[in-house]
PDB file of N, CA and C in Angstrom:
ATOM      1  N   MET A   1     -95.224 -56.646  57.971  1.00  0.00           N
ATOM      2  CA  MET A   1     -94.419 -55.771  57.095  1.00  0.00           C
ATOM      3  C   MET A   1     -94.639 -55.542  55.590  1.00  0.00           C
ATOM      4  N   ASN A   2     -94.603 -54.321  55.750  1.00  0.00           N
ATOM      5  CA  ASN A   2     -94.833 -53.837  54.008  1.00  0.00           C
ATOM      6  C   ASN A   2     -93.454 -53.501  53.369  1.00  0.00           C
ATOM      7  N   ASP A   3     -93.445 -54.362  52.182  1.00  0.00           N
ATOM      8  CA  ASP A   3     -92.390 -53.867  50.966  1.00  0.00           C
ATOM      9  C   ASP A   3     -93.008 -52.541  50.467  1.00  0.00           C
ATOM     10  N   LEU A   4     -91.689 -51.837  50.694  1.00  0.00           N
ATOM     11  CA  LEU A   4     -92.298 -50.342  50.402  1.00  0.00           C
ATOM     12  C   LEU A   4     -91.322 -50.274  48.898  1.00  0.00           C
ATOM     13  N   TRP A   5     -90.285 -50.294  48.449  1.00  0.00           N
ATOM     14  CA  TRP A   5     -89.289 -50.615  47.236  1.00  0.00           C
ATOM     15  C   TRP A   5     -88.393 -51.282  47.207  1.00  0.00           C
ATOM     16  N   MET A   6     -88.416 -51.882  45.605  1.00  0.00           N
ATOM     17  CA  MET A   6     -86.968 -52.494  45.198  1.00  0.00           C
ATOM     18  C   MET A   6     -86.959 -52.351  43.885  1.00  0.00           C
ATOM     19  N   ASN A   7     -85.652 -52.685  43.468  1.00  0.00           N
ATOM     20  CA  ASN A   7     -84.655 -51.954  42.826  1.00  0.00           C
ATOM     21  C   ASN A   7     -83.538 -52.459  43.016  1.00  0.00           C
ATOM     22  N   ASP A   8     -82.514 -51.544  43.072  1.00  0.00           N
ATOM     23  CA  ASP A   8     -80.902 -51.883  43.699  1.00  0.00           C
ATOM     24  C   ASP A   8     -81.080 -52.443  44.977  1.00  0.00           C
ATOM     25  N   GLU A   9     -82.070 -51.872  45.746  1.00  0.00           N
ATOM     26  CA  GLU A   9     -82.210 -51.956  47.046  1.00  0.00           C
ATOM     27  C   GLU A   9     -83.915 -52.877  47.462  1.00  0.00           C
ATOM     28  N   ILE A  10     -83.728 -52.954  48.914  1.00  0.00           N
ATOM     29  CA  ILE A  10     -85.287 -53.487  49.122  1.00  0.00           C
ATOM     30  C   ILE A  10     -85.413 -52.516  50.478  1.00  0.00           C
ATOM     31  N   GLU A  11     -86.445 -51.909  50.545  1.00  0.00           N
ATOM     32  CA  GLU A  11     -87.240 -51.250  51.885  1.00  0.00           C
ATOM     33  C   GLU A  11     -87.877 -51.749  52.194  1.00  0.00           C
ATOM     34  N   ILE A  12     -88.401 -52.394  53.717  1.00  0.00           N
ATOM     35  CA  ILE A  12     -88.947 -52.713  54.462  1.00  0.00           C
ATOM     36  C   ILE A  12     -89.385 -52.174  55.500  1.00  0.00           C
ATOM     37  N   GLU A  13     -90.887 -51.839  55.619  1.00  0.00           N
ATOM     38  CA  GLU A  13     -91.377 -50.994  56.853  1.00  0.00           C
ATOM     39  C   GLU A  13     -91.859 -52.154  58.242  1.00  0.00           C
ATOM     40  N   VAL A  14     -91.504 -51.844  59.248  1.00  0.00           N
ATOM     41  CA  VAL A  14     -91.634 -52.770  60.202  1.00  0.00           C
ATOM     42  C   VAL A  14     -92.006 -52.491  61.477  1.00  0.00           C
ATOM     43  N   SER A  15     -93.519 -53.045  61.563  1.00  0.00           N
ATOM     44  CA  SER A  15     -93.886 -52.348  62.821  1.00  0.00           C
ATOM     45  C   SER A  15     -93.982 -53.608  64.050  1.00  0.00           C
ATOM     46  N   SER A  16     -93.534 -53.488  64.773  1.00  0.00           N
ATOM     47  CA  SER A  16     -92.509 -54.021  66.179  1.00  0.00           C
ATOM     48  C   SER A  16     -93.462 -53.849  67.421  1.00  0.00           C
ATOM     49  N   ASP A  17     -92.850 -54.664  68.215  1.00  0.00           N
ATOM     50  CA  ASP A  17     -93.129 -54.171  69.656  1.00  0.00           C
ATOM     51  C   ASP A  17     -92.163 -53.350  70.617  1.00  0.00           C
ATOM     52  N   ILE A  18     -91.099 -52.805  69.582  1.00  0.00           N
ATOM     53  CA  ILE A  18     -90.216 -51.614  70.107  1.00  0.00           C
ATOM     54  C   ILE A  18     -90.811 -50.150  68.796  1.00  0.00           C
ATOM     55  N   GLY A  19     -91.742 -50.457  68.016  1.00  0.00           N
ATOM     56  CA  GLY A  19     -91.964 -49.198  67.443  1.00  0.00           C
ATOM     57  C   GLY A  19     -91.787 -49.503  65.838  1.00  0.00           C
ATOM     58  N   LEU A  20     -92.207 -48.378  65.370  1.00  0.00           N
ATOM     59  CA  LEU A  20     -92.214 -48.452  63.604  1.00  0.00           C
ATOM     60  C   LEU A  20     -90.441 -48.241  63.338  1.00  0.00           C
ATOM     61  N   PHE A  21     -90.194 -49.018  62.401  1.00  0.00           N
ATOM     62  CA  PHE A  21     -88.946 -48.540  61.750  1.00  0.00           C
ATOM     63  C   PHE A  21     -88.897 -49.049  60.362  1.00  0.00           C
ATOM     64  N   TYR A  22     -87.673 -48.674  59.758  1.00  0.00           N
ATOM     65  CA  TYR A  22     -87.458 -49.615  58.444  1.00  0.00           C
ATOM     66  C   TYR A  22     -86.174 -50.077  57.768  1.00  0.00           C
ATOM     67  N   VAL A  23     -86.426 -51.108  57.162  1.00  0.00           N
ATOM     68  CA  VAL A  23     -84.561 -51.811  56.886  1.00  0.00           C
ATOM     69  C   VAL A  23     -84.884 -51.687  55.272  1.00  0.00           C
ATOM     70  N   SER A  24     -83.707 -51.181  55.357  1.00  0.00           N
ATOM     71  CA  SER A  24     -83.291 -51.126  53.614  1.00  0.00           C
ATOM     72  C   SER A  24     -81.799 -52.003  53.510  1.00  0.00           C
ATOM     73  N   LYS A  25     -81.543 -52.632  52.525  1.00  0.00           N
ATOM     74  CA  LYS A  25     -80.545 -53.379  52.770  1.00  0.00           C
ATOM     75  C   LYS A  25     -80.533 -53.611  50.872  1.00  0.00           C
ATOM     76  N   ASP A  26     -79.267 -53.286  50.475  1.00  0.00           N
ATOM     77  CA  ASP A  26     -78.765 -53.175  49.152  1.00  0.00           C
ATOM     78  C   ASP A  26     -78.067 -54.097  48.500  1.00  0.00           C
ATOM     79  N   ILE A  27     -77.714 -54.052  47.355  1.00  0.00           N
ATOM     80  CA  ILE A  27     -76.646 -54.912  46.277  1.00  0.00           C
ATOM     81  C   ILE A  27     -76.051 -55.579  46.965  1.00  0.00           C
ATOM     82  N   TRP A  28     -75.023 -54.534  47.764  1.00  0.00           N
ATOM     83  CA  TRP A  28     -73.803 -54.769  48.153  1.00  0.00           C
ATOM     84  C   TRP A  28     -73.845 -55.273  49.753  1.00  0.00           C
ATOM     85  N   ASP A  29     -75.078 -55.831  50.229  1.00  0.00           N
ATOM     86  CA  ASP A  29     -74.958 -56.397  51.116  1.00  0.00           C
ATOM     87  C   ASP A  29     -74.843 -55.577  52.741  1.00  0.00           C
ATOM     88  N   LEU A  30     -75.259 -54.291  52.326  1.00  0.00           N
ATOM     89  CA  LEU A  30     -75.225 -53.169  53.328  1.00  0.00           C
ATOM     90  C   LEU A  30     -76.694 -52.613  53.743  1.00  0.00           C
ATOM     91  N   ALA A  31     -76.618 -53.023  55.229  1.00  0.00           N
ATOM     92  CA  ALA A  31     -78.211 -52.664  55.785  1.00  0.00           C
ATOM     93  C   ALA A  31     -77.907 -51.541  56.345  1.00  0.00           C
ATOM     94  N   PHE A  32     -79.176 -50.769  56.540  1.00  0.00           N
ATOM     95  CA  PHE A  32     -79.173 -49.646  57.079  1.00  0.00           C
ATOM     96  C   PHE A  32     -81.010 -49.434  57.519  1.00  0.00           C
ATOM     97  N   ILE A  33     -80.856 -49.032  58.768  1.00  0.00           N
ATOM     98  CA  ILE A  33     -82.015 -49.204  59.996  1.00  0.00           C
ATOM     99  C   ILE A  33     -82.566 -47.894  60.186  1.00  0.00           C
ATOM    100  N   MET A  34     -83.505 -47.477  59.696  1.00  0.00           N
ATOM    101  CA  MET A  34     -83.834 -45.937  59.879  1.00  0.00           C
ATOM    102  C   MET A  34     -85.385 -45.996  60.978  1.00  0.00           C
ATOM    103  N   SER A  35     -85.584 -44.859  61.485  1.00  0.00           N
ATOM    104  CA  SER A  35     -86.855 -44.256  62.096  1.00  0.00           C
ATOM    105  C   SER A  35     -87.230 -42.951  62.156  1.00  0.00           C
ATOM    106  N   ASP A  36     -87.906 -42.516  61.552  1.00  0.00           N
ATOM    107  CA  ASP A  36     -88.465 -41.135  61.462  1.00  0.00           C
ATOM    108  C   ASP A  36     -88.398 -40.098  62.588  1.00  0.00           C
ATOM    109  N   ASN A  37     -89.440 -40.714  63.627  1.00  0.00           N
ATOM    110  CA  ASN A  37     -89.529 -40.185  64.584  1.00  0.00           C
ATOM    111  C   ASN A  37     -88.895 -40.865  66.103  1.00  0.00           C
ATOM    112  N   ASN A  38     -88.828 -42.014  66.293  1.00  0.00           N
ATOM    113  CA  ASN A  38     -88.514 -43.226  67.281  1.00  0.00           C
ATOM    114  C   ASN A  38     -87.104 -43.658  67.224  1.00  0.00           C
ATOM    115  N   GLN A  39     -86.098 -42.372  68.054  1.00  0.00           N
ATOM    116  CA  GLN A  39     -84.401 -42.889  68.458  1.00  0.00           C
ATOM    117  C   GLN A  39     -84.541 -43.882  69.192  1.00  0.00           C
ATOM    118  N   GLU A  40     -85.586 -44.023  70.026  1.00  0.00           N
ATOM    119  CA  GLU A  40     -85.348 -45.198  71.083  1.00  0.00           C
ATOM    120  C   GLU A  40     -85.484 -46.306  70.798  1.00  0.00           C
ATOM    121  N   CYS A  41     -86.527 -46.553  69.703  1.00  0.00           N
ATOM    122  CA  CYS A  41     -86.273 -48.067  68.787  1.00  0.00           C
ATOM    123  C   CYS A  41     -85.364 -48.031  68.147  1.00  0.00           C
ATOM    124  N   ILE A  42     -84.307 -47.280  67.616  1.00  0.00           N
ATOM    125  CA  ILE A  42     -83.042 -47.228  66.871  1.00  0.00           C
ATOM    126  C   ILE A  42     -82.164 -47.691  67.704  1.00  0.00           C
ATOM    127  N   ASN A  43     -82.013 -47.128  68.985  1.00  0.00           N
ATOM    128  CA  ASN A  43     -81.052 -47.211  69.826  1.00  0.00           C
ATOM    129  C   ASN A  43     -81.183 -48.695  70.586  1.00  0.00           C
ATOM    130  N   LYS A  44     -82.626 -49.136  70.715  1.00  0.00           N
ATOM    131  CA  LYS A  44     -82.540 -50.746  71.011  1.00  0.00           C
ATOM    132  C   LYS A  44     -82.319 -51.517  69.973  1.00  0.00           C
ATOM    133  N   ILE A  45     -82.625 -51.408  68.896  1.00  0.00           N
ATOM    134  CA  ILE A  45     -81.713 -52.212  68.157  1.00  0.00           C
ATOM    135  C   ILE A  45     -80.497 -52.079  67.918  1.00  0.00           C
ATOM    136  N   ASN A  46     -79.692 -51.129  68.127  1.00  0.00           N
ATOM    137  CA  ASN A  46     -78.568 -50.792  68.246  1.00  0.00           C
ATOM    138  C   ASN A  46     -77.931 -52.258  69.340  1.00  0.00           C
ATOM    139  N   LEU A  47     -78.503 -51.809  70.421  1.00  0.00           N
ATOM    140  CA  LEU A  47     -77.850 -52.541  71.402  1.00  0.00           C
ATOM    141  C   LEU A  47     -77.951 -54.289  71.143  1.00  0.00           C
ATOM    142  N   ILE A  48     -79.271 -54.723  70.205  1.00  0.00           N
ATOM    143  CA  ILE A  48     -79.526 -56.019  70.115  1.00  0.00           C
ATOM    144  C   ILE A  48     -78.530 -56.746  68.955  1.00  0.00           C
ATOM    145  N   LEU A  49     -78.144 -55.676  68.520  1.00  0.00           N
ATOM    146  CA  LEU A  49     -77.209 -55.877  66.983  1.00  0.00           C
ATOM    147  C   LEU A  49     -75.803 -55.889  67.798  1.00  0.00           C
ATOM    148  N   LEU A  50     -75.294 -55.230  68.863  1.00  0.00           N
ATOM    149  CA  LEU A  50     -74.122 -55.000  69.076  1.00  0.00           C
ATOM    150  C   LEU A  50     -73.560 -56.256  69.589  1.00  0.00           C
ATOM    151  N   LYS A  51     -74.425 -56.857  69.914  1.00  0.00           N
ATOM    152  CA  LYS A  51     -74.200 -58.462  71.063  1.00  0.00           C
ATOM    153  C   LYS A  51     -73.978 -59.710  70.156  1.00  0.00           C
ATOM    154  N   ASP A  52     -74.399 -59.121  68.571  1.00  0.00           N
ATOM    155  CA  ASP A  52     -74.594 -60.350  67.578  1.00  0.00           C
ATOM    156  C   ASP A  52     -73.169 -60.394  66.613  1.00  0.00           C
ATOM    157  N   LYS A  53     -72.554 -61.443  67.052  1.00  0.00           N
ATOM    158  CA  LYS A  53     -71.270 -61.532  66.153  1.00  0.00           C
ATOM    159  C   LYS A  53     -71.561 -61.677  64.536  1.00  0.00           C
ATOM    160  N   ASN A  54     -72.562 -61.784  64.201  1.00  0.00           N
ATOM    161  CA  ASN A  54     -72.753 -61.779  62.367  1.00  0.00           C
ATOM    162  C   ASN A  54     -72.850 -60.094  61.901  1.00  0.00           C
ATOM    163  N   PHE A  55     -72.948 -59.455  62.879  1.00  0.00           N
ATOM    164  CA  PHE A  55     -73.544 -58.035  62.541  1.00  0.00           C
ATOM    165  C   PHE A  55     -71.960 -56.971  62.530  1.00  0.00           C
ATOM    166  N   HIS A  56     -71.714 -56.114  61.988  1.00  0.00           N
ATOM    167  CA  HIS A  56     -70.650 -54.884  62.068  1.00  0.00           C
ATOM    168  C   HIS A  56     -71.453 -53.824  61.957  1.00  0.00           C
ATOM    169  N   LYS A  57     -71.014 -52.894  62.393  1.00  0.00           N
ATOM    170  CA  LYS A  57     -71.424 -51.582  62.853  1.00  0.00           C
ATOM    171  C   LYS A  57     -70.039 -50.593  62.089  1.00  0.00           C
ATOM    172  N   ALA A  58     -70.797 -50.089  60.888  1.00  0.00           N
ATOM    173  CA  ALA A  58     -69.798 -49.020  60.413  1.00  0.00           C
ATOM    174  C   ALA A  58     -69.945 -47.551  60.714  1.00  0.00           C
ATOM    175  N   GLU A  59     -69.783 -46.777  61.419  1.00  0.00           N
ATOM    176  CA  GLU A  59     -70.090 -45.551  61.510  1.00  0.00           C
ATOM    177  C   GLU A  59     -69.366 -44.405  60.555  1.00  0.00           C
ATOM    178  N   VAL A  60     -70.036 -43.711  60.168  1.00  0.00           N
ATOM    179  CA  VAL A  60     -70.384 -42.821  59.191  1.00  0.00           C
ATOM    180  C   VAL A  60     -69.874 -40.990  59.148  1.00  0.00           C
ATOM    181  N   ASN A  61     -69.816 -40.714  58.765  1.00  0.00           N
ATOM    182  CA  ASN A  61     -69.616 -39.180  58.576  1.00  0.00           C
ATOM    183  C   ASN A  61     -70.413 -38.599  57.320  1.00  0.00           C
ATOM    184  N   PHE A  62     -71.771 -38.071  58.060  1.00  0.00           N
ATOM    185  CA  PHE A  62     -72.782 -37.793  57.488  1.00  0.00           C
ATOM    186  C   PHE A  62     -72.460 -36.602  56.610  1.00  0.00           C
ATOM    187  N   GLU A  63     -71.752 -35.990  56.868  1.00  0.00           N
ATOM    188  CA  GLU A  63     -71.281 -34.408  56.319  1.00  0.00           C
ATOM    189  C   GLU A  63     -70.664 -34.711  54.808  1.00  0.00           C
ATOM    190  N   ASP A  64     -70.057 -36.337  54.611  1.00  0.00           N
ATOM    191  CA  ASP A  64     -69.341 -36.420  53.327  1.00  0.00           C
ATOM    192  C   ASP A  64     -70.511 -36.936  52.430  1.00  0.00           C
ATOM    193  N   TYR A  65     -71.883 -36.943  52.707  1.00  0.00           N
ATOM    194  CA  TYR A  65     -72.800 -37.286  51.625  1.00  0.00           C
ATOM    195  C   TYR A  65     -73.570 -36.115  51.847  1.00  0.00           C
ATOM    196  N   LYS A  66     -73.380 -35.009  51.614  1.00  0.00           N
ATOM    197  CA  LYS A  66     -73.735 -33.654  51.470  1.00  0.00           C
ATOM    198  C   LYS A  66     -73.767 -33.245  50.104  1.00  0.00           C
TER     199      LYS A  66
END
């Protein structure tokens, strides 16, 4: 893991068996998992987190943020 940025949030680059992705966590305890060109990695992480009761997935409308 490489720490990329730390201010009101921390962003970490993660290289794993399922690929490269980024995790961002802010001061409000919101976490975002991102990958530039590896949607399969995101889908696998999504399936893992959906099975864990400690995580809550919140769908957003990206049009609201343009």
